[in-house]
Each structure stands twice: as C-alpha cells, then as structure tokens.
Amino acid sequence: MTARLMLARLMLARLMLAALAVGLAMSFTPAHAQPYPSADIHLISGFAPGSGADVMVRYFGEKLRLLTGRTTVVENKPGANGNIAIEYTARAKPDGYTILVHAGSGIAGNQHLFKKPPIDAAKQLRVAATINRQAFMLTVTPDSPYKSVAELVAAMKAKGDKASYGSNSVQSKIAGALFKKAAGLEAVEVQYKSGPDTMREQQSGAIDYAFHDPQLASVQAKQGRLRLLAVASGTRMKMAPDLPTLAESGYPQFNLVGWFAATVPAATPEPVVRQINAWFNEILAADESRDFLNTFGSDVWISSPEEAQAFFLQDIKTWGENVKLSGVEPQ
C-alpha cells in the first residue's frame, strides 16, 4: 500500500468519525435549543370560557402574543376543581409551550382535598411566575338586611341548621368551613359547580351567604348584584382598602390569601422558566395590568422563579393545615 493511499484512507476515516460525532450531537440536541419561542404558546385555563378567571387567562394570552410575537392559544379544560387542567399541564411536554394560568393556591389545596390527587404537584409542577394575590370575599345579596359580619353571624346563629352558604371551589369551600367553625355556626354547605351558579342561587334566596372569588365578587358588587362584607385575608387588600378583613371583624385566625401563577411541567428547562418569568413580570409591571387585576379584586405580585417555587411548596403545606383546621374531609 502506497503512502498516498494510506493517507487518503486515514483522512476518510477521520471525516467519517467527524460526521458521526455531528450526527450524535444533533440527535441529543434538546428541542428548546431552537430560539424560544419558535412555536405557538398554549395557555391552559381551568375555567369555563367567559368566566371571570378565564378573562384573566385571556388577558395574559393577548399580552404574551404582543410581547413574544407568537400566536397564543387559550385551551379551556374546566372540571374536577381544576384538576383536569392541572394534570394536563403536569403531563405535557416540558418545553415552555404549555403554560397553566391558574390559582397556585388552588393547586396546593387540591393536594389535600382529594384522597388521591392525580399528580404530586410539588414534584411535577414548577411555578415560573406569580401573578397576583387575592382574597375570597364574604358576600350577601344587595337586598339582604345584613350589612356587617357581626349582623350576618347573629342572624345565622338564630337560624341554626336552617342557615346555608354556597361554595364552588377549593378556596371557597375551605373559607366557608373555617368561617363556620370560627363563628360557631350550624350553617349547611351547598356546593355548586361554578361561581355564577352559586350567585344565581344566592340571589334566588336559596342560600344565605357565600364566599366568592374576588374576580366574580368585585364585578358583581360594582354592578349592584352582591354586597361585600369582608375579605378573608389578614390585612386589607390594596384593591379594596375600605373593605374590612375577617380578622378585623373578630376572627384573627383568618388569613386565607389566594394567588394566581404561570405554571409549567417540572422538567421545563431553567432558561425557558426564566424567560416565562421575565415575560410575566414585564406584563405585570405595567400600570394597565395593575388596574386590570385591581378590577378583578386582586393585587399585582411580582417574584423571581426561586421565590415563586419556594412559596408554592410552602403553600402546599399551609393548605394541608387549613384543610385539617376546617374539618373538611378529602374526597
């Protein structure tokens, strides 16, 4: 074999090895190596289309579209106290294109309200960004004779087990049970599928009072369909500074604050999580977003991914304590 032939074969072998290395590298390149985002972004809504919370999801969907230049698609997956949307997100591809805009407090509460939650939220979900803080509101109808928490409690004690209240979510269920226990009431809980269903029954006189999410309660109060008596937080909310808290009304143990977040599958790459956090924080920093969230009964909450996830993990523990204190039996 001539020296020239040996050199040619050696060069050919090296070229083949180089090509193989490139092929292997490409086969292991993660999907998010393409500029993110390079596809449509799907926002998952655990609420029915047109509901107060769904309007919030769509608001952020539109803002993300303008900020990213990508199409944003809102997918409604209501039902099972939000578990359908929560499980769908947890099992989605962790690439940043599936984002659940939902109550982080609701996700945390579901871990304790169900005997067999569909997922382990602490291990399968990651909070990329917080959105707001909000407190459920104790409400009666506008024509109700009760204009304060004290008046409502006195009347409900007089009615005994003939008194009733409505619930339709994790937070409203726990708030109702804690209030009943703290006030020493015998009121019967009536569970509904949604906030609008609860409100219709409330206005018909079928129930005496209800804890509503601030999105629904604030809007309905402004339209004269509900009267707000108190918020279930330990301190007053900036969006409703004149509305007393249940703590001020004689129940100091009340500090039941809900919060919304942008949540993704736990395995979502860190750079993608940070990008989602940056987008939401930029949206939330605008006065328009602050005013929008105030309209829906909540205050803006901006945080880092680390702060958001740490709060989420702590809130899972907090809701476990709330469920025990309320006496609510997991389903």
Protein backbone atom coordinates (compact mmCIF):
# COMPACT_ATOMS: atom_id res chain seq x y z
CA MET A 1 0.00 0.00 0.00
CA THR A 2 1.47 3.35 -1.05
CA ALA A 3 1.91 6.19 1.40
CA ARG A 4 -0.54 8.29 -0.63
CA LEU A 5 -3.25 5.59 -0.39
CA MET A 6 -2.72 5.19 3.37
CA LEU A 7 -3.06 8.96 3.85
CA ALA A 8 -6.27 9.04 1.83
CA ARG A 9 -7.80 6.25 3.91
CA LEU A 10 -6.79 7.97 7.13
CA MET A 11 -8.42 11.23 6.01
CA LEU A 12 -11.58 9.32 5.01
CA ALA A 13 -11.74 7.65 8.42
CA ARG A 14 -11.40 11.00 10.14
CA LEU A 15 -14.18 12.51 8.03
CA MET A 16 -16.48 9.60 8.87
CA LEU A 17 -15.75 9.99 12.60
CA ALA A 18 -16.44 13.72 12.40
CA ALA A 19 -19.74 13.13 10.61
CA LEU A 20 -20.73 10.54 13.21
CA ALA A 21 -19.94 12.97 16.03
CA VAL A 22 -22.07 15.69 14.42
CA GLY A 23 -24.94 13.25 13.96
CA LEU A 24 -24.78 12.15 17.57
CA ALA A 25 -24.66 15.74 18.77
CA MET A 26 -27.72 16.62 16.70
CA SER A 27 -29.62 13.57 17.96
CA PHE A 28 -29.09 14.72 21.55
CA THR A 29 -29.81 18.42 20.95
CA PRO A 30 -32.79 19.41 23.16
CA ALA A 31 -35.91 20.70 21.46
CA HIS A 32 -35.62 24.07 23.19
CA ALA A 33 -32.21 24.65 21.55
CA GLN A 34 -34.15 26.44 18.82
CA PRO A 35 -34.80 30.09 19.66
CA TYR A 36 -37.59 30.15 22.23
CA PRO A 37 -40.35 30.68 21.40
CA SER A 38 -40.42 29.23 17.90
CA ALA A 39 -43.99 27.83 18.01
CA ASP A 40 -47.46 28.70 19.30
CA ILE A 41 -47.76 29.10 23.07
CA HIS A 42 -50.71 27.34 24.70
CA LEU A 43 -52.21 28.83 27.85
CA ILE A 44 -54.28 26.31 29.79
CA SER A 45 -57.40 27.62 31.53
CA GLY A 46 -59.08 25.51 34.19
CA PHE A 47 -62.23 27.61 33.88
CA ALA A 48 -65.23 27.78 31.60
CA PRO A 49 -64.98 30.24 28.68
CA GLY A 50 -66.23 33.69 29.64
CA SER A 51 -65.91 33.21 33.41
CA GLY A 52 -64.10 35.85 35.46
CA ALA A 53 -60.92 33.83 35.88
CA ASP A 54 -60.94 32.81 32.20
CA VAL A 55 -60.98 36.51 31.27
CA MET A 56 -57.75 36.85 33.25
CA VAL A 57 -56.15 33.97 31.36
CA ARG A 58 -57.10 35.55 28.04
CA TYR A 59 -55.74 38.93 29.12
CA PHE A 60 -52.31 37.42 29.69
CA GLY A 61 -52.62 35.42 26.48
CA GLU A 62 -53.06 38.61 24.48
CA LYS A 63 -50.21 40.37 26.29
CA LEU A 64 -47.91 37.40 25.65
CA ARG A 65 -48.85 37.45 21.96
CA LEU A 66 -47.82 41.09 21.68
CA LEU A 67 -44.64 40.57 23.71
CA THR A 68 -43.41 37.39 22.03
CA GLY A 69 -44.70 37.84 18.51
CA ARG A 70 -46.06 34.28 18.65
CA THR A 71 -49.66 33.08 18.46
CA THR A 72 -51.09 32.27 21.89
CA VAL A 73 -53.88 29.73 22.14
CA VAL A 74 -56.13 29.51 25.21
CA GLU A 75 -57.32 25.96 25.87
CA ASN A 76 -60.23 25.63 28.30
CA LYS A 77 -60.13 22.46 30.40
CA PRO A 78 -62.58 23.07 33.27
CA GLY A 79 -63.74 20.47 35.77
CA ALA A 80 -62.76 18.46 38.84
CA ASN A 81 -61.86 21.57 40.86
CA GLY A 82 -59.22 22.46 38.31
CA ASN A 83 -57.61 19.02 38.37
CA ILE A 84 -58.25 18.37 34.68
CA ALA A 85 -56.22 21.41 33.64
CA ILE A 86 -53.61 20.81 36.35
CA GLU A 87 -52.99 17.19 35.36
CA TYR A 88 -52.94 18.04 31.66
CA THR A 89 -50.20 20.61 32.27
CA ALA A 90 -48.15 18.35 34.54
CA ARG A 91 -48.08 15.63 31.85
CA ALA A 92 -47.43 17.99 28.93
CA LYS A 93 -44.10 18.17 27.13
CA PRO A 94 -41.79 20.33 29.28
CA ASP A 95 -40.78 22.72 26.52
CA GLY A 96 -42.34 26.01 27.59
CA TYR A 97 -45.19 25.86 25.11
CA THR A 98 -47.80 24.71 27.65
CA ILE A 99 -48.38 27.19 30.48
CA LEU A 100 -51.13 26.84 33.07
CA VAL A 101 -52.51 30.20 34.25
CA HIS A 102 -54.34 29.13 37.37
CA ALA A 103 -54.64 29.65 41.11
CA GLY A 104 -51.46 28.34 42.69
CA SER A 105 -53.40 28.19 45.94
CA GLY A 106 -55.99 26.02 44.20
CA ILE A 107 -53.32 23.59 43.03
CA ALA A 108 -51.90 23.49 46.57
CA GLY A 109 -55.32 22.94 48.13
CA ASN A 110 -56.22 20.12 45.78
CA GLN A 111 -53.27 18.13 47.12
CA HIS A 112 -55.21 17.80 50.39
CA LEU A 113 -58.85 17.96 49.33
CA PHE A 114 -58.56 14.75 47.32
CA LYS A 115 -57.59 11.40 48.80
CA LYS A 116 -55.83 10.50 45.58
CA PRO A 117 -54.72 13.66 43.77
CA PRO A 118 -54.00 12.97 40.09
CA ILE A 119 -50.45 14.34 40.42
CA ASP A 120 -47.84 15.19 43.04
CA ALA A 121 -47.77 18.93 42.43
CA ALA A 122 -44.59 19.51 44.44
CA LYS A 123 -42.68 17.14 42.16
CA GLN A 124 -44.47 17.52 38.82
CA LEU A 125 -45.07 21.26 38.52
CA ARG A 126 -42.89 24.36 38.58
CA VAL A 127 -44.18 27.88 39.20
CA ALA A 128 -42.46 30.09 36.63
CA ALA A 129 -44.07 33.36 37.71
CA THR A 130 -46.56 34.65 40.26
CA ILE A 131 -49.32 36.96 39.03
CA ASN A 132 -51.38 38.28 41.91
CA ARG A 133 -52.58 37.96 45.47
CA GLN A 134 -56.29 37.83 46.17
CA ALA A 135 -58.65 37.04 48.99
CA PHE A 136 -62.06 35.41 48.81
CA MET A 137 -64.92 37.69 49.77
CA LEU A 138 -67.80 37.07 52.17
CA THR A 139 -70.93 38.19 50.33
CA VAL A 140 -74.70 38.57 50.69
CA THR A 141 -77.30 39.90 48.27
CA PRO A 142 -77.85 43.68 47.96
CA ASP A 143 -81.33 43.44 49.49
CA SER A 144 -80.07 41.44 52.46
CA PRO A 145 -80.63 43.05 55.89
CA TYR A 146 -77.05 42.13 56.87
CA LYS A 147 -74.60 44.98 56.41
CA SER A 148 -71.73 43.68 58.53
CA VAL A 149 -70.12 40.40 59.50
CA ALA A 150 -71.49 40.77 63.04
CA GLU A 151 -75.07 41.15 61.77
CA LEU A 152 -74.71 38.13 59.49
CA VAL A 153 -73.28 35.94 62.26
CA ALA A 154 -76.03 36.92 64.70
CA ALA A 155 -78.73 36.07 62.17
CA MET A 156 -77.13 32.77 61.14
CA LYS A 157 -76.81 31.68 64.77
CA ALA A 158 -80.52 32.37 65.19
CA LYS A 159 -81.34 30.23 62.14
CA GLY A 160 -79.25 27.31 63.41
CA ASP A 161 -79.05 24.46 60.90
CA LYS A 162 -81.57 26.24 58.67
CA ALA A 163 -78.81 28.63 57.63
CA SER A 164 -76.88 27.80 54.48
CA TYR A 165 -73.94 29.01 52.43
CA GLY A 166 -72.57 28.26 48.97
CA SER A 167 -69.19 27.04 47.76
CA ASN A 168 -67.78 26.20 44.34
CA SER A 169 -64.01 25.84 44.65
CA VAL A 170 -61.16 24.78 46.92
CA GLN A 171 -60.79 28.22 48.45
CA SER A 172 -64.48 28.95 48.92
CA LYS A 173 -65.04 25.52 50.45
CA ILE A 174 -62.22 25.97 52.97
CA ALA A 175 -63.12 29.60 53.69
CA GLY A 176 -66.74 28.61 54.34
CA ALA A 177 -65.78 25.74 56.63
CA LEU A 178 -63.25 27.83 58.59
CA PHE A 179 -65.75 30.69 58.99
CA LYS A 180 -68.48 28.32 60.13
CA LYS A 181 -66.16 26.82 62.74
CA ALA A 182 -64.72 30.14 63.93
CA ALA A 183 -68.15 31.81 64.24
CA GLY A 184 -69.78 28.77 65.87
CA LEU A 185 -72.43 28.37 63.17
CA GLU A 186 -74.50 25.35 62.17
CA ALA A 187 -74.94 26.55 58.59
CA VAL A 188 -75.16 23.86 55.90
CA GLU A 189 -72.79 24.00 52.94
CA VAL A 190 -74.35 23.79 49.47
CA GLN A 191 -71.79 23.02 46.77
CA TYR A 192 -72.15 24.32 43.21
CA LYS A 193 -70.21 23.77 40.01
CA SER A 194 -69.25 27.40 39.44
CA GLY A 195 -69.31 30.91 40.84
CA PRO A 196 -72.15 32.08 38.56
CA ASP A 197 -74.25 29.06 39.65
CA THR A 198 -73.64 29.96 43.29
CA MET A 199 -74.54 33.59 42.71
CA ARG A 200 -77.80 32.74 40.94
CA GLU A 201 -78.86 30.52 43.84
CA GLN A 202 -77.80 33.20 46.30
CA GLN A 203 -79.91 35.82 44.52
CA SER A 204 -82.87 33.47 44.44
CA GLY A 205 -82.73 33.20 48.24
CA ALA A 206 -81.74 29.52 48.24
CA ILE A 207 -78.64 30.25 50.36
CA ASP A 208 -77.90 32.97 52.92
CA TYR A 209 -74.31 33.86 52.10
CA ALA A 210 -71.29 32.72 50.11
CA PHE A 211 -67.56 33.13 49.76
CA HIS A 212 -66.82 34.17 46.19
CA ASP A 213 -63.56 34.55 44.35
CA PRO A 214 -62.65 38.25 44.04
CA GLN A 215 -62.91 38.21 40.25
CA LEU A 216 -66.60 37.43 40.36
CA ALA A 217 -67.41 39.23 43.62
CA SER A 218 -65.81 42.56 42.66
CA VAL A 219 -67.52 42.76 39.28
CA GLN A 220 -70.92 41.70 40.61
CA ALA A 221 -70.68 44.14 43.53
CA LYS A 222 -69.94 47.02 41.15
CA GLN A 223 -73.00 46.02 39.13
CA GLY A 224 -75.14 46.02 42.26
CA ARG A 225 -75.76 42.26 42.37
CA LEU A 226 -73.77 41.44 45.51
CA ARG A 227 -72.87 43.16 48.77
CA LEU A 228 -69.34 42.62 50.05
CA LEU A 229 -68.99 42.22 53.83
CA ALA A 230 -65.33 41.29 54.28
CA VAL A 231 -62.22 39.75 52.72
CA ALA A 232 -60.74 36.53 54.09
CA SER A 233 -57.20 37.93 54.38
CA GLY A 234 -55.23 39.01 57.43
CA THR A 235 -54.65 42.52 56.05
CA ARG A 236 -56.71 44.73 53.77
CA MET A 237 -56.27 44.41 50.03
CA LYS A 238 -54.95 47.41 48.08
CA MET A 239 -57.71 46.96 45.52
CA ALA A 240 -60.42 47.35 48.21
CA PRO A 241 -58.87 49.36 51.06
CA ASP A 242 -62.25 50.21 52.57
CA LEU A 243 -63.39 46.59 52.83
CA PRO A 244 -62.69 45.14 56.31
CA THR A 245 -61.00 41.80 56.83
CA LEU A 246 -62.46 38.87 58.74
CA ALA A 247 -59.53 39.27 61.13
CA GLU A 248 -60.70 42.81 61.90
CA SER A 249 -64.26 41.53 62.25
CA GLY A 250 -63.40 39.33 65.22
CA TYR A 251 -61.75 36.29 63.62
CA PRO A 252 -57.98 36.91 63.89
CA GLN A 253 -57.08 33.41 62.68
CA PHE A 254 -58.26 34.27 59.18
CA ASN A 255 -55.50 34.87 56.64
CA LEU A 256 -56.66 32.90 53.63
CA VAL A 257 -54.93 34.50 50.65
CA GLY A 258 -55.16 33.02 47.19
CA TRP A 259 -52.79 33.69 44.31
CA PHE A 260 -52.53 33.09 40.59
CA ALA A 261 -49.43 31.91 38.78
CA ALA A 262 -47.97 30.80 35.47
CA THR A 263 -47.11 27.13 36.00
CA VAL A 264 -45.24 24.66 33.78
CA PRO A 265 -44.17 20.99 33.93
CA ALA A 266 -41.38 20.48 36.47
CA ALA A 267 -38.81 19.36 33.88
CA THR A 268 -39.07 22.58 31.87
CA PRO A 269 -35.50 23.83 31.23
CA GLU A 270 -34.31 26.62 33.52
CA PRO A 271 -33.64 29.15 30.70
CA VAL A 272 -37.22 28.69 29.49
CA VAL A 273 -38.62 29.12 33.01
CA ARG A 274 -36.64 32.35 33.38
CA GLN A 275 -37.90 33.63 30.05
CA ILE A 276 -41.53 32.98 31.04
CA ASN A 277 -40.87 34.71 34.36
CA ALA A 278 -39.40 37.73 32.54
CA TRP A 279 -42.41 37.97 30.23
CA PHE A 280 -44.97 37.87 33.02
CA ASN A 281 -43.01 40.28 35.19
CA GLU A 282 -42.82 42.74 32.29
CA ILE A 283 -46.57 42.49 31.75
CA LEU A 284 -47.29 42.89 35.47
CA ALA A 285 -45.05 45.96 35.78
CA ALA A 286 -47.39 47.94 33.51
CA ASP A 287 -49.98 50.21 35.10
CA GLU A 288 -52.58 48.71 32.78
CA SER A 289 -52.08 45.27 34.31
CA ARG A 290 -52.22 46.63 37.85
CA ASP A 291 -55.52 48.37 37.07
CA PHE A 292 -56.85 45.25 35.34
CA LEU A 293 -56.04 43.00 38.30
CA ASN A 294 -57.46 45.55 40.75
CA THR A 295 -60.69 45.44 38.78
CA PHE A 296 -60.77 41.71 39.38
CA GLY A 297 -60.25 42.05 43.11
CA SER A 298 -56.53 41.37 43.36
CA ASP A 299 -53.12 42.98 43.81
CA VAL A 300 -50.12 42.51 41.49
CA TRP A 301 -47.44 40.12 42.75
CA ILE A 302 -44.06 40.03 41.02
CA SER A 303 -41.42 37.49 42.06
CA SER A 304 -38.42 35.51 40.82
CA PRO A 305 -38.73 31.84 39.79
CA GLU A 306 -36.99 30.79 43.02
CA GLU A 307 -39.31 32.88 45.22
CA ALA A 308 -42.35 31.62 43.34
CA GLN A 309 -41.47 27.94 43.68
CA ALA A 310 -40.50 28.29 47.35
CA PHE A 311 -43.83 29.92 48.12
CA PHE A 312 -45.66 27.22 46.18
CA LEU A 313 -44.03 24.42 48.18
CA GLN A 314 -44.81 26.22 51.45
CA ASP A 315 -48.40 26.87 50.37
CA ILE A 316 -48.93 23.15 49.78
CA LYS A 317 -48.08 22.63 53.46
CA THR A 318 -50.21 25.60 54.54
CA TRP A 319 -53.27 24.27 52.74
CA GLY A 320 -52.79 20.93 54.42
CA GLU A 321 -53.10 22.75 57.74
CA ASN A 322 -56.13 24.70 56.50
CA VAL A 323 -57.94 21.55 55.46
CA LYS A 324 -57.29 19.94 58.87
CA LEU A 325 -58.46 23.05 60.74
CA SER A 326 -61.62 23.32 58.65
CA GLY A 327 -62.62 19.71 59.29
CA VAL A 328 -63.26 19.17 55.56
CA GLU A 329 -62.97 15.51 54.62
CA PRO A 330 -60.89 14.79 51.49
CA GLN A 331 -62.99 13.42 48.65
